[in-house]
Amino acid sequence: MRGGMGGNMNKMMKQMQKMQKDMMKAQEELQEMSFEATAGGGMVKVVANGKKEIVDIEIKEEVVDPDDVEMLQDLIIAATNDVLKQVEERSNDTMGQFTKGLNLPGGMF
């Protein structure tokens, strides 16, 4: 009783394995990417990788005012939130391409 059912199942399994391999490759590439955001007209720059890790912060000397540390803190927070949002959006775009059209219950991915 070999027939279409076994062949379809094998084909589907191969497609799922390929998709999983492609997803892993896309995720690795995403993690190696670099993202940057600035605040205060470029006075503060924050760089993150695709793993949502902050890898660099640059602060222009002229924005460092001992009498207004709060402003500098706000600029750092703004740039950090912006760069992390960029990583999140890129991650959703990249990984979302694999789940488009799949009617997965309960948001499996």
Protein backbone atom coordinates (compact mmCIF):
# COMPACT_ATOMS: atom_id res chain seq x y z
CA MET A 1 0.00 0.00 0.00
CA ARG A 2 2.66 2.49 -0.92
CA GLY A 3 1.29 5.52 -2.53
CA GLY A 4 0.89 9.24 -2.64
CA MET A 5 0.61 9.72 1.11
CA GLY A 6 4.16 8.59 1.94
CA GLY A 7 5.65 10.57 -0.94
CA ASN A 8 3.83 13.73 0.08
CA MET A 9 4.97 13.30 3.67
CA ASN A 10 8.61 12.86 2.59
CA LYS A 11 8.39 15.92 0.36
CA MET A 12 6.87 17.96 3.19
CA MET A 13 9.59 16.81 5.63
CA LYS A 14 12.31 17.80 3.16
CA GLN A 15 10.71 21.22 2.70
CA MET A 16 10.53 21.70 6.48
CA GLN A 17 14.20 20.68 6.87
CA LYS A 18 15.23 23.15 4.16
CA MET A 19 13.18 25.91 5.76
CA GLN A 20 14.75 25.18 9.15
CA LYS A 21 18.24 25.28 7.62
CA ASP A 22 17.43 28.56 5.83
CA MET A 23 16.04 30.03 9.07
CA MET A 24 19.20 29.13 10.98
CA LYS A 25 21.37 30.70 8.27
CA ALA A 26 19.26 33.88 8.26
CA GLN A 27 19.44 34.08 12.06
CA GLU A 28 23.24 33.69 12.00
CA GLU A 29 23.54 36.43 9.38
CA LEU A 30 21.26 38.68 11.42
CA GLN A 31 23.34 38.17 14.56
CA GLU A 32 26.49 39.25 12.69
CA MET A 33 24.92 42.50 11.48
CA SER A 34 25.72 45.87 13.02
CA PHE A 35 23.14 48.56 13.79
CA GLU A 36 23.69 52.12 14.93
CA ALA A 37 21.59 55.00 16.16
CA THR A 38 22.41 58.54 17.16
CA ALA A 39 20.79 61.13 19.41
CA GLY A 40 21.34 64.82 19.98
CA GLY A 41 22.28 65.49 16.38
CA GLY A 42 25.00 62.84 16.43
CA MET A 43 26.39 63.78 19.83
CA VAL A 44 25.74 60.24 21.11
CA LYS A 45 26.07 57.13 18.96
CA VAL A 46 25.16 53.62 20.09
CA VAL A 47 26.11 50.51 18.10
CA ALA A 48 24.50 47.10 18.62
CA ASN A 49 24.80 43.71 16.98
CA GLY A 50 21.96 41.48 15.83
CA LYS A 51 22.01 39.68 19.18
CA LYS A 52 20.70 42.89 20.79
CA GLU A 53 24.03 43.47 22.51
CA ILE A 54 25.41 47.01 22.76
CA VAL A 55 28.94 46.83 21.36
CA ASP A 56 29.95 50.50 21.30
CA ILE A 57 28.91 53.90 22.60
CA GLU A 58 30.50 57.10 21.35
CA ILE A 59 29.92 60.39 23.13
CA LYS A 60 31.17 63.68 21.68
CA GLU A 61 33.17 65.64 24.23
CA GLU A 62 31.12 68.80 23.80
CA VAL A 63 27.92 67.10 25.05
CA VAL A 64 29.53 66.22 28.39
CA ASP A 65 28.35 68.90 30.79
CA PRO A 66 28.92 68.13 34.49
CA ASP A 67 26.05 70.49 35.32
CA ASP A 68 23.61 68.61 33.05
CA VAL A 69 24.37 64.90 33.35
CA GLU A 70 20.66 64.16 33.01
CA MET A 71 20.63 65.39 29.39
CA LEU A 72 23.52 63.07 28.51
CA GLN A 73 21.74 60.16 30.16
CA ASP A 74 18.58 60.94 28.16
CA LEU A 75 20.56 61.01 24.90
CA ILE A 76 22.17 57.65 25.69
CA ILE A 77 18.78 56.13 26.54
CA ALA A 78 17.21 57.53 23.35
CA ALA A 79 20.00 56.21 21.10
CA THR A 80 20.02 52.83 22.86
CA ASN A 81 16.25 52.40 22.55
CA ASP A 82 16.42 53.41 18.88
CA VAL A 83 19.18 50.95 18.00
CA LEU A 84 17.44 48.09 19.83
CA LYS A 85 14.20 48.91 18.00
CA GLN A 86 16.10 48.70 14.69
CA VAL A 87 17.45 45.26 15.61
CA GLU A 88 13.98 44.07 16.64
CA GLU A 89 12.36 45.32 13.43
CA ARG A 90 15.05 43.75 11.24
CA SER A 91 14.76 40.49 13.17
CA ASN A 92 10.98 40.44 12.73
CA ASP A 93 11.30 41.20 9.01
CA THR A 94 14.01 38.58 8.48
CA MET A 95 12.45 35.77 10.48
CA GLY A 96 8.89 36.68 9.52
CA GLN A 97 9.57 35.73 5.91
CA PHE A 98 9.77 32.10 7.02
CA THR A 99 6.46 32.03 8.85
CA LYS A 100 4.41 33.98 6.27
CA GLY A 101 1.66 31.80 4.90
CA LEU A 102 2.10 29.13 7.54
CA ASN A 103 -1.01 28.92 9.65
CA LEU A 104 0.74 28.01 12.85
CA PRO A 105 -1.48 27.81 15.91
CA GLY A 106 -0.73 30.05 18.85
CA GLY A 107 2.15 31.91 17.18
CA MET A 108 4.65 29.07 17.31
CA PHE A 109 7.36 31.33 15.88
